[in-house]
Amino acid sequence: MTPAITLLEQGKHPHTIHKYEHDKQAESYGLEAADKLGLPPPRVFKTLVAELDNGKMVVALVPVTHQLNLKQLAKAAKAKKAQMGQPAKVENSTGYVLGGVSPLGQKRKLATFIDTSAAQFDTIYVSAGKRGLEIELAPDLLASVTGATFTPLAG
């Protein structure tokens, strides 16, 4: 059980857990999840953590088929610049290891932004907080639980 799953279960939020055997040689955790679970890659979202020019850490969710547009993220977060968070800072602020960072149940509540493409799906898939474990849930529920904003982020 991960903090992400615990958060959803305690809140009685509808979700489904999907497990797969993680391959340590996989180059992309998100694409691996889509492939092993037989999912359309645009429905699988990767959780990225960036640092703003003011030192604040923020979370961005984009489809695994896209890169994060850091300029768009900075604009959405009302900052001048954003850069990818250093691994140690990401792990310290979220409580998760890289490749298993979930937008749910993080150690510190960070401002969260979800790419607008998520809204076209009834459900999307995000990390459950461990490599080889995904959570399927409605995008609106994810936004509600995390306090996220939908905004264009995919580059």
Protein backbone atom coordinates (compact mmCIF):
# COMPACT_ATOMS: atom_id res chain seq x y z
CA MET A 1 0.00 0.00 0.00
CA THR A 2 1.36 3.41 -0.95
CA PRO A 3 0.37 6.84 0.43
CA ALA A 4 -1.43 7.52 -2.88
CA ILE A 5 -3.61 4.43 -2.57
CA THR A 6 -4.22 5.07 1.13
CA LEU A 7 -5.38 8.62 0.38
CA LEU A 8 -7.91 7.42 -2.21
CA GLU A 9 -9.18 4.55 -0.10
CA GLN A 10 -9.59 6.65 3.05
CA GLY A 11 -11.55 9.22 1.04
CA LYS A 12 -13.62 6.44 -0.58
CA HIS A 13 -12.71 7.88 -4.00
CA PRO A 14 -13.44 5.60 -6.98
CA HIS A 15 -10.25 4.24 -8.53
CA THR A 16 -8.71 1.05 -9.88
CA ILE A 17 -5.20 -0.22 -9.19
CA HIS A 18 -3.25 -1.83 -12.03
CA LYS A 19 -0.06 -3.83 -11.45
CA TYR A 20 2.59 -4.93 -13.91
CA GLU A 21 6.07 -6.40 -13.66
CA HIS A 22 8.50 -3.45 -13.84
CA ASP A 23 11.57 -4.01 -16.03
CA LYS A 24 14.62 -2.28 -14.53
CA GLN A 25 15.99 -1.82 -18.06
CA ALA A 26 12.96 0.19 -19.22
CA GLU A 27 13.94 3.57 -20.63
CA SER A 28 10.58 5.24 -19.95
CA TYR A 29 8.50 4.23 -16.93
CA GLY A 30 5.33 5.75 -18.39
CA LEU A 31 5.64 4.13 -21.82
CA GLU A 32 6.47 0.85 -20.09
CA ALA A 33 3.24 1.13 -18.07
CA ALA A 34 1.18 1.84 -21.20
CA ASP A 35 2.76 -1.09 -23.04
CA LYS A 36 2.51 -3.65 -20.25
CA LEU A 37 -1.06 -2.69 -19.34
CA GLY A 38 -2.15 -2.50 -22.99
CA LEU A 39 -3.22 1.13 -22.71
CA PRO A 40 -3.28 3.95 -25.26
CA PRO A 41 -0.18 5.99 -24.25
CA PRO A 42 -2.03 9.37 -24.29
CA ARG A 43 -4.14 8.13 -21.32
CA VAL A 44 -1.07 7.45 -19.18
CA PHE A 45 0.29 10.55 -17.46
CA LYS A 46 3.75 11.02 -16.02
CA THR A 47 4.22 12.99 -12.83
CA LEU A 48 7.03 15.52 -13.08
CA VAL A 49 8.27 17.86 -10.39
CA ALA A 50 9.77 21.21 -11.31
CA GLU A 51 11.34 24.03 -9.35
CA LEU A 52 10.24 27.60 -9.99
CA ASP A 53 12.56 30.60 -9.96
CA ASN A 54 11.22 31.46 -6.48
CA GLY A 55 12.40 28.08 -5.15
CA LYS A 56 8.93 26.53 -4.90
CA MET A 57 8.42 22.99 -6.16
CA VAL A 58 5.38 22.23 -8.34
CA VAL A 59 3.91 19.09 -9.90
CA ALA A 60 3.05 18.75 -13.58
CA LEU A 61 1.21 15.87 -15.23
CA VAL A 62 1.59 15.34 -18.96
CA PRO A 63 0.89 12.36 -21.24
CA VAL A 64 3.84 9.95 -21.44
CA THR A 65 3.95 10.63 -25.18
CA HIS A 66 4.87 14.30 -24.62
CA GLN A 67 7.50 16.45 -22.99
CA LEU A 68 6.70 19.06 -20.36
CA ASN A 69 6.76 22.62 -21.69
CA LEU A 70 8.55 24.40 -18.84
CA LYS A 71 7.57 27.86 -20.14
CA GLN A 72 3.90 26.89 -20.04
CA LEU A 73 4.32 25.49 -16.53
CA ALA A 74 6.02 28.67 -15.31
CA LYS A 75 3.21 30.75 -16.82
CA ALA A 76 0.55 28.58 -15.17
CA ALA A 77 2.36 28.82 -11.82
CA LYS A 78 2.76 32.60 -12.19
CA ALA A 79 6.55 32.39 -12.20
CA LYS A 80 9.20 33.65 -14.61
CA LYS A 81 11.01 30.33 -15.04
CA ALA A 82 10.71 26.65 -14.21
CA GLN A 83 13.29 23.91 -14.41
CA MET A 84 13.12 20.21 -13.67
CA GLY A 85 13.60 19.51 -9.97
CA GLN A 86 16.82 17.96 -8.77
CA PRO A 87 16.26 14.27 -7.87
CA ALA A 88 17.07 14.73 -4.16
CA LYS A 89 14.66 17.69 -3.88
CA VAL A 90 11.95 15.78 -5.74
CA GLU A 91 12.25 12.77 -3.47
CA ASN A 92 12.44 14.95 -0.35
CA SER A 93 9.37 17.02 -1.21
CA THR A 94 7.18 14.17 -2.50
CA GLY A 95 8.34 11.21 -0.42
CA TYR A 96 8.54 9.09 -3.58
CA VAL A 97 11.49 7.77 -5.60
CA LEU A 98 11.97 8.87 -9.20
CA GLY A 99 10.03 6.69 -11.59
CA GLY A 100 7.39 6.14 -8.92
CA VAL A 101 6.36 9.71 -8.08
CA SER A 102 2.60 9.90 -7.67
CA PRO A 103 0.63 13.15 -7.75
CA LEU A 104 -1.34 11.76 -4.80
CA GLY A 105 -0.31 11.33 -1.17
CA GLN A 106 2.86 13.38 -1.39
CA LYS A 107 4.80 14.25 1.75
CA ARG A 108 4.28 17.98 1.10
CA LYS A 109 1.26 19.36 -0.71
CA LEU A 110 2.64 20.97 -3.87
CA ALA A 111 0.78 23.10 -6.40
CA THR A 112 -0.29 20.70 -9.14
CA PHE A 113 -1.02 21.28 -12.83
CA ILE A 114 -2.57 18.75 -15.22
CA ASP A 115 -2.31 19.01 -19.00
CA THR A 116 -5.68 19.88 -20.52
CA SER A 117 -5.59 16.74 -22.69
CA ALA A 118 -6.56 14.72 -19.59
CA ALA A 119 -10.08 16.20 -19.67
CA GLN A 120 -10.95 14.32 -22.89
CA PHE A 121 -10.82 10.95 -21.11
CA ASP A 122 -13.26 9.38 -18.64
CA THR A 123 -10.26 8.01 -16.75
CA ILE A 124 -6.51 8.45 -16.88
CA TYR A 125 -3.62 6.51 -15.37
CA VAL A 126 -1.02 7.95 -12.99
CA SER A 127 1.66 6.42 -10.83
CA ALA A 128 0.43 4.86 -7.62
CA GLY A 129 3.72 5.71 -5.92
CA LYS A 130 5.74 2.65 -6.88
CA ARG A 131 7.25 1.40 -10.11
CA GLY A 132 4.95 -1.22 -11.60
CA LEU A 133 1.81 0.22 -10.00
CA GLU A 134 -0.70 2.58 -11.66
CA ILE A 135 -3.93 4.19 -10.48
CA GLU A 136 -6.83 4.65 -12.88
CA LEU A 137 -9.17 7.48 -11.92
CA ALA A 138 -11.25 10.30 -13.38
CA PRO A 139 -9.24 13.43 -14.25
CA ASP A 140 -11.72 15.63 -12.36
CA LEU A 141 -11.31 13.48 -9.25
CA LEU A 142 -7.52 13.76 -9.51
CA ALA A 143 -7.82 17.54 -9.81
CA SER A 144 -10.20 17.70 -6.87
CA VAL A 145 -8.07 15.56 -4.55
CA THR A 146 -4.79 17.32 -5.43
CA GLY A 147 -6.21 20.84 -5.84
CA ALA A 148 -4.85 20.81 -9.39
CA THR A 149 -5.48 23.21 -12.25
CA PHE A 150 -5.97 22.07 -15.85
CA THR A 151 -3.68 23.98 -18.21
CA PRO A 152 -1.81 23.35 -21.49
CA LEU A 153 1.55 21.79 -20.51
CA ALA A 154 2.48 19.31 -23.23
CA GLY A 155 5.26 20.33 -25.58
